[in-house]
Amino acid sequence: MYKFVFLTLVLFWMVGCSTAQLSNNQPRHTVLSFMQDLFTAKHDLLRDEDFKRKYFSDTLRARINDSLVQCATYKPPKETPWLTHPAQQGENQTLFMAWDLPTSFKIKSQQIKGKNATVDVIYYWGPDTQYAGDTRVTTVVLSRTNDVWYIDDLLTRKGKFISESSFYSGLLR
């Protein structure tokens, strides 16, 4: 009897451990890890090859690299001399699609359809920022390759200070 109870407890523990491992392989986990790295980074993540390999799909990495090449010779139009190339923006502003970095974030929802997924993230701007009090929803678009979720795009919904935009589409001028 004790042996049966012991084996049952061991089985429940093993199932619980494997369930925890599976939950770490969810799009939400990838996005949470991405956001934590994004919010704590002290260097340009568009040029960080390890960061890009960890989070971005092959397609998005190729687009970022094309953007970096284009950036080297970019000259803003005469009518908008203040307009910088996306790859020239500092402090990872391009990844946030904002001039001023948000102060916090919250993962809102996740939807999975086969090898594709979306995760909605809400960005918040604190009182000492350019967008004080603003909130903005960004949908992180992911695809699964070899059981790993990679980011394909960041879609920012229209907000008080920004129009709807796509990180992928906005990389090249």
Protein backbone atom coordinates (compact mmCIF):
# COMPACT_ATOMS: atom_id res chain seq x y z
CA MET A 1 0.00 0.00 0.00
CA TYR A 2 2.74 2.48 0.99
CA LYS A 3 4.66 1.58 -2.14
CA PHE A 4 1.58 2.38 -4.27
CA VAL A 5 1.10 5.75 -2.54
CA PHE A 6 4.82 6.55 -2.91
CA LEU A 7 4.82 5.65 -6.63
CA THR A 8 1.63 7.68 -7.17
CA LEU A 9 3.23 10.73 -5.52
CA VAL A 10 6.37 10.30 -7.61
CA LEU A 11 4.22 10.05 -10.76
CA PHE A 12 2.29 13.24 -9.85
CA TRP A 13 5.58 15.02 -9.17
CA MET A 14 6.98 13.91 -12.54
CA VAL A 15 3.84 15.01 -14.39
CA GLY A 16 3.97 18.36 -12.57
CA CYS A 17 7.63 18.84 -13.54
CA SER A 18 6.99 18.03 -17.19
CA THR A 19 3.97 20.35 -17.23
CA ALA A 20 6.14 23.15 -15.83
CA GLN A 21 8.71 22.48 -18.55
CA LEU A 22 6.02 22.61 -21.21
CA SER A 23 4.69 25.91 -19.90
CA ASN A 24 8.18 27.40 -20.27
CA ASN A 25 7.98 26.57 -23.97
CA GLN A 26 4.93 28.78 -24.49
CA PRO A 27 4.88 31.99 -26.54
CA ARG A 28 4.03 33.90 -23.35
CA HIS A 29 7.27 32.69 -21.74
CA THR A 30 9.31 33.78 -24.78
CA VAL A 31 7.70 37.23 -24.71
CA LEU A 32 8.15 37.61 -20.96
CA SER A 33 11.85 36.76 -21.25
CA PHE A 34 12.19 39.09 -24.26
CA MET A 35 10.53 41.96 -22.38
CA GLN A 36 12.67 41.46 -19.30
CA ASP A 37 15.82 41.59 -21.46
CA LEU A 38 14.49 44.56 -23.40
CA PHE A 39 13.68 46.54 -20.25
CA THR A 40 17.05 45.88 -18.59
CA ALA A 41 19.41 46.11 -21.59
CA LYS A 42 22.08 48.79 -21.44
CA HIS A 43 23.26 48.32 -25.02
CA ASP A 44 21.87 48.39 -28.59
CA LEU A 45 19.96 45.13 -29.00
CA LEU A 46 19.59 45.51 -32.77
CA ARG A 47 23.33 44.92 -33.02
CA ASP A 48 23.48 42.14 -30.39
CA GLU A 49 23.71 38.89 -32.38
CA ASP A 50 23.12 36.66 -29.33
CA PHE A 51 19.96 38.57 -28.42
CA LYS A 52 18.66 38.41 -31.99
CA ARG A 53 19.34 34.65 -32.28
CA LYS A 54 17.64 34.02 -28.94
CA TYR A 55 14.39 35.84 -29.77
CA PHE A 56 13.96 36.64 -33.47
CA SER A 57 12.98 34.42 -36.38
CA ASP A 58 15.39 34.03 -39.30
CA THR A 59 13.19 36.34 -41.37
CA LEU A 60 13.16 39.12 -38.78
CA ARG A 61 16.91 38.82 -38.15
CA ALA A 62 17.59 39.15 -41.90
CA ARG A 63 15.36 42.25 -42.02
CA ILE A 64 17.17 43.81 -39.04
CA ASN A 65 20.54 43.13 -40.66
CA ASP A 66 19.35 44.69 -43.95
CA SER A 67 18.21 47.70 -41.94
CA LEU A 68 21.62 48.04 -40.30
CA VAL A 69 23.29 48.00 -43.72
CA GLN A 70 20.85 50.61 -45.06
CA CYS A 71 21.37 52.73 -41.96
CA ALA A 72 25.06 53.21 -42.75
CA THR A 73 24.24 55.38 -45.77
CA TYR A 74 20.87 56.83 -44.73
CA LYS A 75 20.26 60.55 -45.19
CA PRO A 76 16.94 61.97 -43.92
CA PRO A 77 14.68 63.71 -46.43
CA LYS A 78 15.01 67.51 -46.60
CA GLU A 79 11.39 67.98 -45.51
CA THR A 80 11.95 65.89 -42.34
CA PRO A 81 15.58 66.40 -41.30
CA TRP A 82 14.78 65.21 -37.74
CA LEU A 83 13.72 61.78 -39.04
CA THR A 84 16.37 59.23 -38.15
CA HIS A 85 16.73 55.76 -39.56
CA PRO A 86 15.16 53.12 -37.27
CA ALA A 87 18.53 51.48 -36.74
CA GLN A 88 20.02 54.82 -35.60
CA GLN A 89 17.65 55.31 -32.68
CA GLY A 90 19.30 54.80 -29.31
CA GLU A 91 18.24 53.00 -26.15
CA ASN A 92 16.29 50.39 -28.14
CA GLN A 93 13.58 52.90 -29.04
CA THR A 94 13.04 51.07 -32.34
CA LEU A 95 12.01 47.90 -30.51
CA PHE A 96 9.51 49.87 -28.44
CA MET A 97 8.43 52.00 -31.42
CA ALA A 98 8.54 55.08 -29.18
CA TRP A 99 10.75 58.12 -28.70
CA ASP A 100 10.66 57.61 -24.96
CA LEU A 101 10.94 54.21 -23.31
CA PRO A 102 7.99 52.84 -21.34
CA THR A 103 8.53 52.40 -17.61
CA SER A 104 6.76 49.03 -17.26
CA PHE A 105 4.77 46.37 -19.07
CA LYS A 106 2.18 43.66 -18.49
CA ILE A 107 1.47 40.53 -20.54
CA LYS A 108 -2.24 40.65 -21.35
CA SER A 109 -3.18 37.60 -23.43
CA GLN A 110 -1.89 34.77 -25.60
CA GLN A 111 -3.42 33.02 -28.60
CA ILE A 112 -1.90 29.94 -30.23
CA LYS A 113 -2.93 28.58 -33.64
CA GLY A 114 -0.70 25.69 -34.63
CA LYS A 115 2.82 27.00 -35.22
CA ASN A 116 1.76 30.65 -34.95
CA ALA A 117 0.90 32.71 -31.90
CA THR A 118 0.26 36.22 -30.71
CA VAL A 119 0.88 37.69 -27.28
CA ASP A 120 -0.52 41.09 -26.32
CA VAL A 121 1.68 43.28 -24.14
CA ILE A 122 0.60 46.53 -22.52
CA TYR A 123 3.29 49.20 -22.15
CA TYR A 124 2.93 51.87 -19.45
CA TRP A 125 4.66 55.25 -19.31
CA GLY A 126 5.30 56.83 -15.92
CA PRO A 127 5.07 60.49 -14.85
CA ASP A 128 8.62 61.49 -15.81
CA THR A 129 8.38 60.40 -19.45
CA GLN A 130 7.42 62.06 -22.71
CA TYR A 131 4.18 60.03 -22.81
CA ALA A 132 3.25 60.37 -19.11
CA GLY A 133 0.18 58.28 -18.25
CA ASP A 134 -0.02 56.65 -21.67
CA THR A 135 -0.67 52.96 -22.20
CA ARG A 136 -0.14 51.16 -25.46
CA VAL A 137 -0.88 47.61 -26.61
CA THR A 138 1.71 45.82 -28.73
CA THR A 139 0.95 42.44 -30.25
CA VAL A 140 3.99 40.21 -30.45
CA VAL A 141 3.67 37.84 -33.43
CA LEU A 142 5.54 34.54 -33.04
CA SER A 143 6.15 31.35 -34.97
CA ARG A 144 7.42 28.01 -33.72
CA THR A 145 10.51 26.41 -35.25
CA ASN A 146 11.89 23.15 -33.83
CA ASP A 147 9.66 23.59 -30.72
CA VAL A 148 11.08 27.06 -30.00
CA TRP A 149 8.95 30.22 -30.28
CA TYR A 150 10.58 33.09 -32.18
CA ILE A 151 9.34 36.64 -32.69
CA ASP A 152 8.35 37.54 -36.28
CA ASP A 153 7.00 41.04 -35.66
CA LEU A 154 5.85 43.58 -33.08
CA LEU A 155 2.57 45.27 -34.03
CA THR A 156 1.76 48.41 -32.11
CA ARG A 157 -1.87 49.43 -32.08
CA LYS A 158 -2.90 53.02 -32.60
CA GLY A 159 -2.59 55.02 -29.40
CA LYS A 160 -2.77 58.57 -28.17
CA PHE A 161 0.74 59.41 -29.42
CA ILE A 162 1.31 56.85 -32.20
CA SER A 163 -0.35 55.42 -35.25
CA GLU A 164 -0.56 51.69 -35.86
CA SER A 165 2.83 50.30 -36.87
CA SER A 166 4.80 47.16 -37.60
CA PHE A 167 8.36 46.74 -36.35
CA TYR A 168 9.21 44.52 -39.34
CA SER A 169 7.77 46.92 -41.92
CA GLY A 170 9.26 49.99 -40.27
CA LEU A 171 12.86 48.77 -40.29
CA LEU A 172 13.64 49.90 -43.83
CA ARG A 173 13.23 53.44 -45.21
